């Protein structure tokens, strides 16, 4: 059973502002989460969510196993993402 990947509106805005090559890479990596998200996710210490590496970018992710949804809450450059949390 595949998972549905949903993006927070701020994540969509962030991706739209990126260069096309970066946004293409982000979308390609997000596709990996559809089949087996836990293969790529790491638990984010101190929080009730996961982190997902996309090159120099990081996404903070919630997973609803019962409904098979992966929700991308936050996406930013790795130098900024942990400072905002």
Protein backbone atom coordinates (compact mmCIF):
# COMPACT_ATOMS: atom_id res chain seq x y z
CA UNK A 1 0.00 0.00 0.00
CA UNK A 2 1.45 3.34 -0.99
CA UNK A 3 1.45 6.43 1.16
CA UNK A 4 0.06 9.79 0.12
CA UNK A 5 2.60 12.62 0.46
CA UNK A 6 1.02 15.93 1.48
CA UNK A 7 2.88 19.24 1.62
CA UNK A 8 2.20 22.13 3.98
CA UNK A 9 1.42 25.33 1.99
CA UNK A 10 4.65 26.94 3.26
CA UNK A 11 6.61 23.97 1.91
CA UNK A 12 5.02 24.44 -1.51
CA UNK A 13 5.96 28.15 -1.45
CA UNK A 14 9.54 27.28 -0.48
CA UNK A 15 9.89 24.77 -3.33
CA UNK A 16 8.44 27.25 -5.84
CA UNK A 17 11.10 29.81 -4.84
CA UNK A 18 13.96 27.34 -5.41
CA UNK A 19 15.84 26.93 -8.66
CA UNK A 20 14.28 24.40 -11.00
CA UNK A 21 17.12 21.91 -10.53
CA UNK A 22 16.69 22.02 -6.75
CA UNK A 23 12.90 21.80 -6.87
CA UNK A 24 13.13 18.83 -9.26
CA UNK A 25 15.54 17.08 -6.86
CA UNK A 26 13.21 17.78 -3.91
CA UNK A 27 10.16 16.36 -5.70
CA UNK A 28 12.16 13.31 -6.84
CA UNK A 29 13.25 12.59 -3.24
CA UNK A 30 9.71 13.10 -1.92
CA UNK A 31 8.49 10.43 -4.35
CA UNK A 32 10.64 7.90 -2.47
CA UNK A 33 8.44 8.33 0.61
CA UNK A 34 5.39 6.90 -1.15
CA UNK A 35 6.44 3.25 -1.07
CA UNK A 36 8.29 2.84 2.22
CA UNK A 37 8.74 6.12 4.11
CA UNK A 38 10.47 4.61 7.13
CA UNK A 39 13.36 3.46 4.98
CA UNK A 40 14.36 7.11 4.49
CA UNK A 41 13.16 8.82 7.68
CA UNK A 42 15.12 9.33 10.88
CA UNK A 43 13.54 10.17 14.22
CA UNK A 44 14.05 13.84 15.08
CA UNK A 45 15.33 13.86 18.66
CA UNK A 46 13.29 15.85 21.14
CA UNK A 47 10.31 16.08 18.80
CA UNK A 48 7.42 13.83 17.84
CA UNK A 49 8.30 13.79 14.14
CA UNK A 50 10.88 12.57 11.65
CA UNK A 51 13.54 14.26 9.55
CA UNK A 52 14.19 13.55 5.90
CA UNK A 53 17.43 14.42 4.07
CA UNK A 54 17.24 16.00 0.63
CA UNK A 55 20.84 16.96 -0.20
CA UNK A 56 21.56 20.19 1.71
CA UNK A 57 17.89 20.50 2.66
CA UNK A 58 15.92 18.89 5.47
CA UNK A 59 12.22 18.20 5.85
CA UNK A 60 10.39 17.63 9.12
CA UNK A 61 7.75 14.98 8.59
CA UNK A 62 4.71 13.48 10.35
CA UNK A 63 3.44 10.03 9.38
CA UNK A 64 -0.14 8.83 9.87
CA UNK A 65 0.14 5.06 9.47
CA UNK A 66 -3.57 4.39 9.84
CA UNK A 67 -4.45 6.66 6.91
CA UNK A 68 -1.16 6.09 5.02
CA UNK A 69 -0.28 9.80 4.85
CA UNK A 70 3.18 11.39 5.00
CA UNK A 71 2.83 15.09 5.84
CA UNK A 72 5.78 17.37 5.11
CA UNK A 73 5.49 20.09 7.76
CA UNK A 74 8.66 22.11 7.20
CA UNK A 75 11.33 22.24 4.50
CA UNK A 76 14.41 24.46 4.58
CA UNK A 77 18.17 24.49 4.18
CA UNK A 78 19.91 22.38 6.80
CA UNK A 79 21.67 25.45 8.24
CA UNK A 80 18.29 27.01 9.12
CA UNK A 81 15.83 24.23 9.76
CA UNK A 82 16.94 23.26 13.25
CA UNK A 83 17.21 26.89 14.42
CA UNK A 84 13.52 27.52 13.68
CA UNK A 85 12.28 24.63 15.80
